[in-house]
Amino acid sequence: MAEAKRLPAGFYRSGAGGIPVREWLRCLDKADRVLIGNDIATVEFGWPIGMPACRPMGGGLYKVRTNLPGNRTARVLFCIHDERMILLHGFIKKARQTPRAELELALDRKRNLERQT
């Protein structure tokens, strides 16, 4: 019997119908997408889960951490909404700290999501 997801993932949809994380993932190499997808699945099946796979960022945001080839690091920011992991924003991290602009974008999307329901 297959293990059930504890926190199934879904994509944030903008008011215009765009799906930013899916669009970002499609721009990446297949190998990168697989690694990021595996880390998202780790959170889905292992929730609640901590470091190194996942970390709270404050304000109801969490990040999925993925180490990519070539000494690159990907982050997917998400929130929990209606017992689902909603993927809000994805990016390749270039600095030690998560840039404030990336967090603000994810928080804006989280607020939009909460207003939609």
PDB file of N, CA and C in Angstrom:
ATOM      1  N   MET A   1       0.847  -1.183   0.000  1.00  0.00           N
ATOM      2  CA  MET A   1       0.000   0.000   0.000  1.00  0.00           C
ATOM      3  C   MET A   1       0.888   1.241   0.000  1.00  0.00           C
ATOM      4  N   ALA A   2       0.597   2.185  -0.871  1.00  0.00           N
ATOM      5  CA  ALA A   2       1.394   3.404  -0.993  1.00  0.00           C
ATOM      6  C   ALA A   2       1.136   4.316   0.199  1.00  0.00           C
ATOM      7  N   GLU A   3       2.211   4.970   0.633  1.00  0.00           N
ATOM      8  CA  GLU A   3       2.109   5.924   1.731  1.00  0.00           C
ATOM      9  C   GLU A   3       1.359   7.164   1.247  1.00  0.00           C
ATOM     10  N   ALA A   4       0.469   7.688   2.092  1.00  0.00           N
ATOM     11  CA  ALA A   4      -0.311   8.867   1.719  1.00  0.00           C
ATOM     12  C   ALA A   4       0.477  10.142   1.989  1.00  0.00           C
ATOM     13  N   LYS A   5       0.245  11.129   1.142  1.00  0.00           N
ATOM     14  CA  LYS A   5       0.861  12.435   1.356  1.00  0.00           C
ATOM     15  C   LYS A   5       0.219  13.080   2.582  1.00  0.00           C
ATOM     16  N   ARG A   6       1.055  13.598   3.455  1.00  0.00           N
ATOM     17  CA  ARG A   6       0.552  14.285   4.640  1.00  0.00           C
ATOM     18  C   ARG A   6       0.181  15.729   4.334  1.00  0.00           C
ATOM     19  N   LEU A   7       0.868  16.310   3.353  1.00  0.00           N
ATOM     20  CA  LEU A   7       0.646  17.699   2.978  1.00  0.00           C
ATOM     21  C   LEU A   7       0.775  17.807   1.457  1.00  0.00           C
ATOM     22  N   PRO A   8      -0.304  17.495   0.719  1.00  0.00           N
ATOM     23  CA  PRO A   8      -0.205  17.508  -0.741  1.00  0.00           C
ATOM     24  C   PRO A   8       0.123  18.907  -1.271  1.00  0.00           C
ATOM     25  N   ALA A   9       0.931  18.954  -2.306  1.00  0.00           N
ATOM     26  CA  ALA A   9       1.350  20.222  -2.897  1.00  0.00           C
ATOM     27  C   ALA A   9       0.384  20.665  -3.991  1.00  0.00           C
ATOM     28  N   GLY A  10       0.260  21.972  -4.113  1.00  0.00           N
ATOM     29  CA  GLY A  10      -0.497  22.582  -5.194  1.00  0.00           C
ATOM     30  C   GLY A  10       0.205  23.861  -5.596  1.00  0.00           C
ATOM     31  N   PHE A  11      -0.100  24.352  -6.777  1.00  0.00           N
ATOM     32  CA  PHE A  11       0.535  25.561  -7.280  1.00  0.00           C
ATOM     33  C   PHE A  11      -0.345  26.778  -7.020  1.00  0.00           C
ATOM     34  N   TYR A  12       0.285  27.878  -6.650  1.00  0.00           N
ATOM     35  CA  TYR A  12      -0.393  29.165  -6.555  1.00  0.00           C
ATOM     36  C   TYR A  12      -0.765  29.618  -7.963  1.00  0.00           C
ATOM     37  N   ARG A  13      -1.989  30.136  -8.108  1.00  0.00           N
ATOM     38  CA  ARG A  13      -2.449  30.699  -9.381  1.00  0.00           C
ATOM     39  C   ARG A  13      -2.713  32.185  -9.172  1.00  0.00           C
ATOM     40  N   SER A  14      -2.174  32.996 -10.046  1.00  0.00           N
ATOM     41  CA  SER A  14      -2.404  34.437  -9.957  1.00  0.00           C
ATOM     42  C   SER A  14      -3.826  34.749 -10.402  1.00  0.00           C
ATOM     43  N   GLY A  15      -4.263  35.961 -10.139  1.00  0.00           N
ATOM     44  CA  GLY A  15      -5.596  36.383 -10.564  1.00  0.00           C
ATOM     45  C   GLY A  15      -5.778  36.300 -12.069  1.00  0.00           C
ATOM     46  N   ALA A  16      -4.670  36.439 -12.807  1.00  0.00           N
ATOM     47  CA  ALA A  16      -4.721  36.361 -14.274  1.00  0.00           C
ATOM     48  C   ALA A  16      -4.612  34.925 -14.775  1.00  0.00           C
ATOM     49  N   GLY A  17      -4.468  33.966 -13.849  1.00  0.00           N
ATOM     50  CA  GLY A  17      -4.411  32.558 -14.232  1.00  0.00           C
ATOM     51  C   GLY A  17      -3.018  31.990 -14.400  1.00  0.00           C
ATOM     52  N   GLY A  18      -1.990  32.811 -14.209  1.00  0.00           N
ATOM     53  CA  GLY A  18      -0.625  32.313 -14.317  1.00  0.00           C
ATOM     54  C   GLY A  18      -0.260  31.416 -13.143  1.00  0.00           C
ATOM     55  N   ILE A  19       0.688  30.527 -13.377  1.00  0.00           N
ATOM     56  CA  ILE A  19       1.160  29.602 -12.341  1.00  0.00           C
ATOM     57  C   ILE A  19       2.679  29.791 -12.254  1.00  0.00           C
ATOM     58  N   PRO A  20       3.125  30.769 -11.440  1.00  0.00           N
ATOM     59  CA  PRO A  20       4.533  31.176 -11.461  1.00  0.00           C
ATOM     60  C   PRO A  20       5.547  30.075 -11.178  1.00  0.00           C
ATOM     61  N   VAL A  21       5.294  29.218 -10.210  1.00  0.00           N
ATOM     62  CA  VAL A  21       6.290  28.187  -9.887  1.00  0.00           C
ATOM     63  C   VAL A  21       6.376  27.165 -11.011  1.00  0.00           C
ATOM     64  N   ARG A  22       5.264  26.790 -11.577  1.00  0.00           N
ATOM     65  CA  ARG A  22       5.280  25.838 -12.701  1.00  0.00           C
ATOM     66  C   ARG A  22       6.039  26.441 -13.884  1.00  0.00           C
ATOM     67  N   GLU A  23       5.799  27.719 -14.165  1.00  0.00           N
ATOM     68  CA  GLU A  23       6.495  28.389 -15.268  1.00  0.00           C
ATOM     69  C   GLU A  23       8.003  28.444 -15.000  1.00  0.00           C
ATOM     70  N   TRP A  24       8.392  28.734 -13.758  1.00  0.00           N
ATOM     71  CA  TRP A  24       9.807  28.771 -13.391  1.00  0.00           C
ATOM     72  C   TRP A  24      10.435  27.386 -13.556  1.00  0.00           C
ATOM     73  N   LEU A  25       9.735  26.358 -13.087  1.00  0.00           N
ATOM     74  CA  LEU A  25      10.266  24.996 -13.199  1.00  0.00           C
ATOM     75  C   LEU A  25      10.485  24.602 -14.655  1.00  0.00           C
ATOM     76  N   ARG A  26       9.595  24.990 -15.525  1.00  0.00           N
ATOM     77  CA  ARG A  26       9.716  24.644 -16.945  1.00  0.00           C
ATOM     78  C   ARG A  26      10.940  25.276 -17.595  1.00  0.00           C
ATOM     79  N   CYS A  27      11.457  26.348 -17.016  1.00  0.00           N
ATOM     80  CA  CYS A  27      12.654  27.012 -17.549  1.00  0.00           C
ATOM     81  C   CYS A  27      13.939  26.308 -17.117  1.00  0.00           C
ATOM     82  N   LEU A  28      13.848  25.387 -16.177  1.00  0.00           N
ATOM     83  CA  LEU A  28      15.022  24.690 -15.655  1.00  0.00           C
ATOM     84  C   LEU A  28      15.299  23.410 -16.437  1.00  0.00           C
ATOM     85  N   ASP A  29      16.517  22.906 -16.323  1.00  0.00           N
ATOM     86  CA  ASP A  29      16.865  21.613 -16.910  1.00  0.00           C
ATOM     87  C   ASP A  29      16.055  20.509 -16.239  1.00  0.00           C
ATOM     88  N   LYS A  30      15.836  19.438 -16.976  1.00  0.00           N
ATOM     89  CA  LYS A  30      15.057  18.324 -16.439  1.00  0.00           C
ATOM     90  C   LYS A  30      15.688  17.769 -15.162  1.00  0.00           C
ATOM     91  N   ALA A  31      17.019  17.648 -15.128  1.00  0.00           N
ATOM     92  CA  ALA A  31      17.692  17.118 -13.933  1.00  0.00           C
ATOM     93  C   ALA A  31      17.428  18.000 -12.720  1.00  0.00           C
ATOM     94  N   ASP A  32      17.413  19.322 -12.913  1.00  0.00           N
ATOM     95  CA  ASP A  32      17.118  20.243 -11.812  1.00  0.00           C
ATOM     96  C   ASP A  32      15.670  20.084 -11.352  1.00  0.00           C
ATOM     97  N   ARG A  33      14.751  19.957 -12.309  1.00  0.00           N
ATOM     98  CA  ARG A  33      13.336  19.780 -11.964  1.00  0.00           C
ATOM     99  C   ARG A  33      13.123  18.516 -11.144  1.00  0.00           C
ATOM    100  N   VAL A  34      13.819  17.457 -11.517  1.00  0.00           N
ATOM    101  CA  VAL A  34      13.683  16.187 -10.789  1.00  0.00           C
ATOM    102  C   VAL A  34      14.161  16.350  -9.342  1.00  0.00           C
ATOM    103  N   LEU A  35      15.304  16.981  -9.158  1.00  0.00           N
ATOM    104  CA  LEU A  35      15.820  17.187  -7.796  1.00  0.00           C
ATOM    105  C   LEU A  35      14.870  18.038  -6.954  1.00  0.00           C
ATOM    106  N   ILE A  36      14.378  19.122  -7.536  1.00  0.00           N
ATOM    107  CA  ILE A  36      13.441  19.990  -6.808  1.00  0.00           C
ATOM    108  C   ILE A  36      12.157  19.231  -6.506  1.00  0.00           C
ATOM    109  N   GLY A  37      11.650  18.491  -7.481  1.00  0.00           N
ATOM    110  CA  GLY A  37      10.439  17.690  -7.265  1.00  0.00           C
ATOM    111  C   GLY A  37      10.613  16.652  -6.174  1.00  0.00           C
ATOM    112  N   ASN A  38      11.778  16.033  -6.110  1.00  0.00           N
ATOM    113  CA  ASN A  38      12.036  15.050  -5.055  1.00  0.00           C
ATOM    114  C   ASN A  38      12.021  15.704  -3.682  1.00  0.00           C
ATOM    115  N   ASP A  39      12.586  16.906  -3.582  1.00  0.00           N
ATOM    116  CA  ASP A  39      12.590  17.600  -2.294  1.00  0.00           C
ATOM    117  C   ASP A  39      11.193  18.059  -1.896  1.00  0.00           C
ATOM    118  N   ILE A  40      10.392  18.484  -2.863  1.00  0.00           N
ATOM    119  CA  ILE A  40       8.994  18.839  -2.569  1.00  0.00           C
ATOM    120  C   ILE A  40       8.246  17.594  -2.087  1.00  0.00           C
ATOM    121  N   ALA A  41       8.472  16.465  -2.742  1.00  0.00           N
ATOM    122  CA  ALA A  41       7.827  15.210  -2.330  1.00  0.00           C
ATOM    123  C   ALA A  41       8.259  14.799  -0.922  1.00  0.00           C
ATOM    124  N   THR A  42       9.507  15.046  -0.574  1.00  0.00           N
ATOM    125  CA  THR A  42       9.984  14.743   0.779  1.00  0.00           C
ATOM    126  C   THR A  42       9.153  15.501   1.806  1.00  0.00           C
ATOM    127  N   VAL A  43       8.849  16.755   1.517  1.00  0.00           N
ATOM    128  CA  VAL A  43       8.025  17.556   2.432  1.00  0.00           C
ATOM    129  C   VAL A  43       6.586  17.041   2.418  1.00  0.00           C
ATOM    130  N   GLU A  44       6.055  16.727   1.242  1.00  0.00           N
ATOM    131  CA  GLU A  44       4.675  16.232   1.147  1.00  0.00           C
ATOM    132  C   GLU A  44       4.464  14.984   2.001  1.00  0.00           C
ATOM    133  N   PHE A  45       5.392  14.049   1.926  1.00  0.00           N
ATOM    134  CA  PHE A  45       5.238  12.775   2.625  1.00  0.00           C
ATOM    135  C   PHE A  45       5.734  12.818   4.064  1.00  0.00           C
ATOM    136  N   GLY A  46       6.643  13.736   4.380  1.00  0.00           N
ATOM    137  CA  GLY A  46       7.261  13.752   5.699  1.00  0.00           C
ATOM    138  C   GLY A  46       6.788  14.832   6.632  1.00  0.00           C
ATOM    139  N   TRP A  47       5.818  15.638   6.200  1.00  0.00           N
ATOM    140  CA  TRP A  47       5.369  16.771   7.010  1.00  0.00           C
ATOM    141  C   TRP A  47       4.846  16.321   8.355  1.00  0.00           C
ATOM    142  N   PRO A  48       5.153  16.993   9.443  1.00  0.00           N
ATOM    143  CA  PRO A  48       6.044  18.145   9.553  1.00  0.00           C
ATOM    144  C   PRO A  48       7.500  17.700   9.488  1.00  0.00           C
ATOM    145  N   ILE A  49       8.304  18.473   8.799  1.00  0.00           N
ATOM    146  CA  ILE A  49       9.700  18.120   8.563  1.00  0.00           C
ATOM    147  C   ILE A  49      10.549  19.371   8.748  1.00  0.00           C
ATOM    148  N   GLY A  50      11.762  19.172   9.179  1.00  0.00           N
ATOM    149  CA  GLY A  50      12.643  20.310   9.416  1.00  0.00           C
ATOM    150  C   GLY A  50      13.843  20.292   8.497  1.00  0.00           C
ATOM    151  N   MET A  51      14.909  20.877   9.004  1.00  0.00           N
ATOM    152  CA  MET A  51      16.156  20.975   8.245  1.00  0.00           C
ATOM    153  C   MET A  51      16.714  19.578   7.989  1.00  0.00           C
ATOM    154  N   PRO A  52      17.389  19.336   6.897  1.00  0.00           N
ATOM    155  CA  PRO A  52      17.782  20.310   5.887  1.00  0.00           C
ATOM    156  C   PRO A  52      16.757  20.495   4.770  1.00  0.00           C
ATOM    157  N   ALA A  53      15.688  19.709   4.751  1.00  0.00           N
ATOM    158  CA  ALA A  53      14.743  19.771   3.626  1.00  0.00           C
ATOM    159  C   ALA A  53      13.870  21.022   3.648  1.00  0.00           C
ATOM    160  N   CYS A  54      13.479  21.457   4.817  1.00  0.00           N
ATOM    161  CA  CYS A  54      12.476  22.503   4.924  1.00  0.00           C
ATOM    162  C   CYS A  54      12.795  23.397   6.118  1.00  0.00           C
ATOM    163  N   ARG A  55      12.442  24.674   5.984  1.00  0.00           N
ATOM    164  CA  ARG A  55      12.703  25.606   7.079  1.00  0.00           C
ATOM    165  C   ARG A  55      11.619  26.676   7.101  1.00  0.00           C
ATOM    166  N   PRO A  56      11.095  27.035   8.280  1.00  0.00           N
ATOM    167  CA  PRO A  56      10.146  28.148   8.361  1.00  0.00           C
ATOM    168  C   PRO A  56      10.865  29.472   8.123  1.00  0.00           C
ATOM    169  N   MET A  57      10.186  30.378   7.430  1.00  0.00           N
ATOM    170  CA  MET A  57      10.771  31.681   7.092  1.00  0.00           C
ATOM    171  C   MET A  57      10.069  32.837   7.803  1.00  0.00           C
ATOM    172  N   GLY A  58       9.012  32.547   8.560  1.00  0.00           N
ATOM    173  CA  GLY A  58       8.242  33.587   9.234  1.00  0.00           C
ATOM    174  C   GLY A  58       7.067  34.034   8.389  1.00  0.00           C
ATOM    175  N   GLY A  59       6.068  34.585   9.047  1.00  0.00           N
ATOM    176  CA  GLY A  59       4.896  35.084   8.337  1.00  0.00           C
ATOM    177  C   GLY A  59       4.080  33.998   7.665  1.00  0.00           C
ATOM    178  N   GLY A  60       4.226  32.747   8.122  1.00  0.00           N
ATOM    179  CA  GLY A  60       3.494  31.641   7.512  1.00  0.00           C
ATOM    180  C   GLY A  60       4.154  31.074   6.265  1.00  0.00           C
ATOM    181  N   LEU A  61       5.378  31.510   5.969  1.00  0.00           N
ATOM    182  CA  LEU A  61       6.124  30.997   4.819  1.00  0.00           C
ATOM    183  C   LEU A  61       7.119  29.936   5.260  1.00  0.00           C
ATOM    184  N   TYR A  62       7.357  28.993   4.365  1.00  0.00           N
ATOM    185  CA  TYR A  62       8.370  27.960   4.549  1.00  0.00           C
ATOM    186  C   TYR A  62       9.165  27.875   3.254  1.00  0.00           C
ATOM    187  N   LYS A  63      10.359  27.284   3.335  1.00  0.00           N
ATOM    188  CA  LYS A  63      11.125  27.074   2.115  1.00  0.00           C
ATOM    189  C   LYS A  63      11.557  25.630   2.003  1.00  0.00           C
ATOM    190  N   VAL A  64      11.506  25.121   0.777  1.00  0.00           N
ATOM    191  CA  VAL A  64      12.069  23.824   0.441  1.00  0.00           C
ATOM    192  C   VAL A  64      13.455  24.114  -0.119  1.00  0.00           C
ATOM    193  N   ARG A  65      14.445  23.416   0.394  1.00  0.00           N
ATOM    194  CA  ARG A  65      15.838  23.645   0.016  1.00  0.00           C
ATOM    195  C   ARG A  65      16.305  22.525  -0.910  1.00  0.00           C
ATOM    196  N   THR A  66      16.914  22.903  -2.038  1.00  0.00           N
ATOM    197  CA  THR A  66      17.432  21.919  -2.978  1.00  0.00           C
ATOM    198  C   THR A  66      18.830  22.325  -3.413  1.00  0.00           C
ATOM    199  N   ASN A  67      19.779  21.425  -3.248  1.00  0.00           N
ATOM    200  CA  ASN A  67      21.132  21.637  -3.757  1.00  0.00           C
ATOM    201  C   ASN A  67      21.196  21.072  -5.167  1.00  0.00           C
ATOM    202  N   LEU A  68      21.600  21.921  -6.108  1.00  0.00           N
ATOM    203  CA  LEU A  68      21.670  21.549  -7.514  1.00  0.00           C
ATOM    204  C   LEU A  68      23.120  21.380  -7.943  1.00  0.00           C
ATOM    205  N   PRO A  69      23.353  20.668  -9.048  1.00  0.00           N
ATOM    206  CA  PRO A  69      24.719  20.552  -9.575  1.00  0.00           C
ATOM    207  C   PRO A  69      25.305  21.932  -9.886  1.00  0.00           C
ATOM    208  N   GLY A  70      26.623  22.004  -9.899  1.00  0.00           N
ATOM    209  CA  GLY A  70      27.285  23.257 -10.222  1.00  0.00           C
ATOM    210  C   GLY A  70      27.283  24.242  -9.068  1.00  0.00           C
ATOM    211  N   ASN A  71      27.169  23.710  -7.836  1.00  0.00           N
ATOM    212  CA  ASN A  71      27.200  24.546  -6.634  1.00  0.00           C
ATOM    213  C   ASN A  71      26.084  25.600  -6.639  1.00  0.00           C
ATOM    214  N   ARG A  72      24.921  25.212  -7.164  1.00  0.00           N
ATOM    215  CA  ARG A  72      23.754  26.094  -7.185  1.00  0.00           C
ATOM    216  C   ARG A  72      22.753  25.623  -6.151  1.00  0.00           C
ATOM    217  N   THR A  73      21.915  26.550  -5.702  1.00  0.00           N
ATOM    218  CA  THR A  73      20.915  26.238  -4.697  1.00  0.00           C
ATOM    219  C   THR A  73      19.563  26.784  -5.142  1.00  0.00           C
ATOM    220  N   ALA A  74      18.536  25.942  -5.122  1.00  0.00           N
ATOM    221  CA  ALA A  74      17.175  26.374  -5.456  1.00  0.00           C
ATOM    222  C   ALA A  74      16.347  26.437  -4.186  1.00  0.00           C
ATOM    223  N   ARG A  75      15.417  27.363  -4.187  1.00  0.00           N
ATOM    224  CA  ARG A  75      14.480  27.498  -3.082  1.00  0.00           C
ATOM    225  C   ARG A  75      13.075  27.606  -3.657  1.00  0.00           C
ATOM    226  N   VAL A  76      12.143  26.900  -3.024  1.00  0.00           N
ATOM    227  CA  VAL A  76      10.728  27.045  -3.347  1.00  0.00           C
ATOM    228  C   VAL A  76      10.054  27.486  -2.057  1.00  0.00           C
ATOM    229  N   LEU A  77       9.435  28.659  -2.093  1.00  0.00           N
ATOM    230  CA  LEU A  77       8.730  29.192  -0.930  1.00  0.00           C
ATOM    231  C   LEU A  77       7.273  28.754  -1.013  1.00  0.00           C
ATOM    232  N   PHE A  78       6.742  28.328   0.128  1.00  0.00           N
ATOM    233  CA  PHE A  78       5.359  27.865   0.157  1.00  0.00           C
ATOM    234  C   PHE A  78       4.682  28.271   1.448  1.00  0.00           C
ATOM    235  N   CYS A  79       3.359  28.154   1.450  1.00  0.00           N
ATOM    236  CA  CYS A  79       2.570  28.338   2.662  1.00  0.00           C
ATOM    237  C   CYS A  79       1.635  27.139   2.778  1.00  0.00           C
ATOM    238  N   ILE A  80       0.994  27.030   3.913  1.00  0.00           N
ATOM    239  CA  ILE A  80       0.004  25.977   4.114  1.00  0.00           C
ATOM    240  C   ILE A  80      -1.366  26.641   4.086  1.00  0.00           C
ATOM    241  N   HIS A  81      -2.197  26.159   3.173  1.00  0.00           N
ATOM    242  CA  HIS A  81      -3.530  26.735   2.985  1.00  0.00           C
ATOM    243  C   HIS A  81      -4.505  25.593   2.726  1.00  0.00           C
ATOM    244  N   ASP A  82      -5.565  25.529   3.513  1.00  0.00           N
ATOM    245  CA  ASP A  82      -6.564  24.458   3.373  1.00  0.00           C
ATOM    246  C   ASP A  82      -5.914  23.074   3.383  1.00  0.00           C
ATOM    247  N   GLU A  83      -4.981  22.872   4.326  1.00  0.00           N
ATOM    248  CA  GLU A  83      -4.301  21.591   4.515  1.00  0.00           C
ATOM    249  C   GLU A  83      -3.524  21.150   3.278  1.00  0.00           C
ATOM    250  N   ARG A  84      -3.036  22.132   2.516  1.00  0.00           N
ATOM    251  CA  ARG A  84      -2.221  21.869   1.333  1.00  0.00           C
ATOM    252  C   ARG A  84      -0.978  22.738   1.372  1.00  0.00           C
ATOM    253  N   MET A  85       0.049  22.261   0.746  1.00  0.00           N
ATOM    254  CA  MET A  85       1.296  22.996   0.569  1.00  0.00           C
ATOM    255  C   MET A  85       1.146  23.763  -0.743  1.00  0.00           C
ATOM    256  N   ILE A  86       1.037  25.086  -0.664  1.00  0.00           N
ATOM    257  CA  ILE A  86       0.850  25.889  -1.876  1.00  0.00           C
ATOM    258  C   ILE A  86       2.191  26.500  -2.256  1.00  0.00           C
ATOM    259  N   LEU A  87       2.700  26.112  -3.409  1.00  0.00           N
ATOM    260  CA  LEU A  87       3.991  26.576  -3.901  1.00  0.00           C
ATOM    261  C   LEU A  87       3.819  27.981  -4.466  1.00  0.00           C
ATOM    262  N   LEU A  88       4.417  28.960  -3.789  1.00  0.00           N
ATOM    263  CA  LEU A  88       4.207  30.368  -4.104  1.00  0.00           C
ATOM    264  C   LEU A  88       5.259  30.961  -5.035  1.00  0.00           C
ATOM    265  N   HIS A  89       6.528  30.583  -4.808  1.00  0.00           N
ATOM    266  CA  HIS A  89       7.610  31.245  -5.542  1.00  0.00           C
ATOM    267  C   HIS A  89       8.841  30.346  -5.550  1.00  0.00           C
ATOM    268  N   GLY A  90       9.528  30.288  -6.677  1.00  0.00           N
ATOM    269  CA  GLY A  90      10.760  29.525  -6.792  1.00  0.00           C
ATOM    270  C   GLY A  90      11.858  30.375  -7.396  1.00  0.00           C
ATOM    271  N   PHE A  91      13.087  30.138  -6.954  1.00  0.00           N
ATOM    272  CA  PHE A  91      14.216  30.910  -7.475  1.00  0.00           C
ATOM    273  C   PHE A  91      15.518  30.174  -7.202  1.00  0.00           C
ATOM    274  N   ILE A  92      16.545  30.565  -7.934  1.00  0.00           N
ATOM    275  CA  ILE A  92      17.897  30.077  -7.695  1.00  0.00           C
ATOM    276  C   ILE A  92      18.559  31.077  -6.759  1.00  0.00           C
ATOM    277  N   LYS A  93      19.009  30.587  -5.645  1.00  0.00           N
ATOM    278  CA  LYS A  93      19.592  31.453  -4.623  1.00  0.00           C
ATOM    279  C   LYS A  93      21.028  31.794  -4.997  1.00  0.00           C
ATOM    280  N   LYS A  94      21.363  33.093  -4.918  1.00  0.00           N
ATOM    281  CA  LYS A  94      22.693  33.545  -5.305  1.00  0.00           C
ATOM    282  C   LYS A  94      23.474  34.141  -4.147  1.00  0.00           C
ATOM    283  N   ALA A  95      22.826  34.382  -3.028  1.00  0.00           N
ATOM    284  CA  ALA A  95      23.479  34.958  -1.854  1.00  0.00           C
ATOM    285  C   ALA A  95      23.230  34.048  -0.655  1.00  0.00           C
ATOM    286  N   ARG A  96      23.984  34.256   0.395  1.00  0.00           N
ATOM    287  CA  ARG A  96      23.831  33.425   1.592  1.00  0.00           C
ATOM    288  C   ARG A  96      22.434  33.560   2.200  1.00  0.00           C
ATOM    289  N   GLN A  97      21.957  34.780   2.327  1.00  0.00           N
ATOM    290  CA  GLN A  97      20.618  35.010   2.865  1.00  0.00           C
ATOM    291  C   GLN A  97      19.594  35.055   1.739  1.00  0.00           C
ATOM    292  N   THR A  98      18.376  34.659   2.069  1.00  0.00           N
ATOM    293  CA  THR A  98      17.292  34.766   1.093  1.00  0.00           C
ATOM    294  C   THR A  98      17.001  36.247   0.875  1.00  0.00           C
ATOM    295  N   PRO A  99      17.063  36.723  -0.367  1.00  0.00           N
ATOM    296  CA  PRO A  99      16.814  38.140  -0.631  1.00  0.00           C
ATOM    297  C   PRO A  99      15.421  38.571  -0.177  1.00  0.00           C
ATOM    298  N   ARG A 100      15.346  39.742   0.405  1.00  0.00           N
ATOM    299  CA  ARG A 100      14.079  40.282   0.918  1.00  0.00           C
ATOM    300  C   ARG A 100      13.023  40.356  -0.190  1.00  0.00           C
ATOM    301  N   ALA A 101      13.437  40.724  -1.400  1.00  0.00           N
ATOM    302  CA  ALA A 101      12.485  40.834  -2.506  1.00  0.00           C
ATOM    303  C   ALA A 101      11.808  39.494  -2.801  1.00  0.00           C
ATOM    304  N   GLU A 102      12.552  38.400  -2.683  1.00  0.00           N
ATOM    305  CA  GLU A 102      11.980  37.064  -2.925  1.00  0.00           C
ATOM    306  C   GLU A 102      10.934  36.736  -1.849  1.00  0.00           C
ATOM    307  N   LEU A 103      11.245  37.066  -0.597  1.00  0.00           N
ATOM    308  CA  LEU A 103      10.300  36.835   0.502  1.00  0.00           C
ATOM    309  C   LEU A 103       9.052  37.698   0.340  1.00  0.00           C
ATOM    310  N   GLU A 104       9.240  38.960  -0.023  1.00  0.00           N
ATOM    311  CA  GLU A 104       8.106  39.867  -0.190  1.00  0.00           C
ATOM    312  C   GLU A 104       7.172  39.385  -1.300  1.00  0.00           C
ATOM    313  N   LEU A 105       7.750  38.906  -2.394  1.00  0.00           N
ATOM    314  CA  LEU A 105       6.934  38.392  -3.496  1.00  0.00           C
ATOM    315  C   LEU A 105       6.092  37.203  -3.022  1.00  0.00           C
ATOM    316  N   ALA A 106       6.716  36.288  -2.298  1.00  0.00           N
ATOM    317  CA  ALA A 106       5.975  35.131  -1.784  1.00  0.00           C
ATOM    318  C   ALA A 106       4.903  35.562  -0.793  1.00  0.00           C
ATOM    319  N   LEU A 107       5.207  36.532   0.079  1.00  0.00           N
ATOM    320  CA  LEU A 107       4.205  37.025   1.035  1.00  0.00           C
ATOM    321  C   LEU A 107       3.040  37.695   0.317  1.00  0.00           C
ATOM    322  N   ASP A 108       3.321  38.446  -0.753  1.00  0.00           N
ATOM    323  CA  ASP A 108       2.247  39.057  -1.536  1.00  0.00           C
ATOM    324  C   ASP A 108       1.343  37.986  -2.140  1.00  0.00           C
ATOM    325  N   ARG A 109       1.940  36.945  -2.675  1.00  0.00           N
ATOM    326  CA  ARG A 109       1.152  35.854  -3.261  1.00  0.00           C
ATOM    327  C   ARG A 109       0.341  35.128  -2.191  1.00  0.00           C
ATOM    328  N   LYS A 110       0.919  34.966  -1.009  1.00  0.00           N
ATOM    329  CA  LYS A 110       0.193  34.340   0.105  1.00  0.00           C
ATOM    330  C   LYS A 110      -1.023  35.187   0.476  1.00  0.00           C
ATOM    331  N   ARG A 111      -0.845  36.489   0.572  1.00  0.00           N
ATOM    332  CA  ARG A 111      -1.970  37.381   0.901  1.00  0.00           C
ATOM    333  C   ARG A 111      -3.034  37.318  -0.189  1.00  0.00           C
ATOM    334  N   ASN A 112      -2.630  37.298  -1.456  1.00  0.00           N
ATOM    335  CA  ASN A 112      -3.583  37.169  -2.554  1.00  0.00           C
ATOM    336  C   ASN A 112      -4.375  35.871  -2.454  1.00  0.00           C
ATOM    337  N   LEU A 113      -3.682  34.795  -2.136  1.00  0.00           N
ATOM    338  CA  LEU A 113      -4.326  33.487  -1.973  1.00  0.00           C
ATOM    339  C   LEU A 113      -5.375  33.546  -0.861  1.00  0.00           C
ATOM    340  N   GLU A 114      -5.018  34.163   0.251  1.00  0.00           N
ATOM    341  CA  GLU A 114      -5.938  34.246   1.383  1.00  0.00           C
ATOM    342  C   GLU A 114      -7.152  35.116   1.062  1.00  0.00           C
ATOM    343  N   ARG A 115      -6.969  36.144   0.234  1.00  0.00           N
ATOM    344  CA  ARG A 115      -8.095  36.995  -0.171  1.00  0.00           C
ATOM    345  C   ARG A 115      -9.021  36.265  -1.138  1.00  0.00           C
ATOM    346  N   GLN A 116      -8.471  35.351  -1.940  1.00  0.00           N
ATOM    347  CA  GLN A 116      -9.276  34.632  -2.936  1.00  0.00           C
ATOM    348  C   GLN A 116     -10.249  33.664  -2.303  1.00  0.00           C
ATOM    349  N   THR A 117      -9.970  33.241  -1.071  1.00  0.00           N
ATOM    350  CA  THR A 117     -10.835  32.226  -0.446  1.00  0.00           C
ATOM    351  C   THR A 117     -11.657  32.790   0.678  1.00  0.00           C
TER     352      THR A 117
END
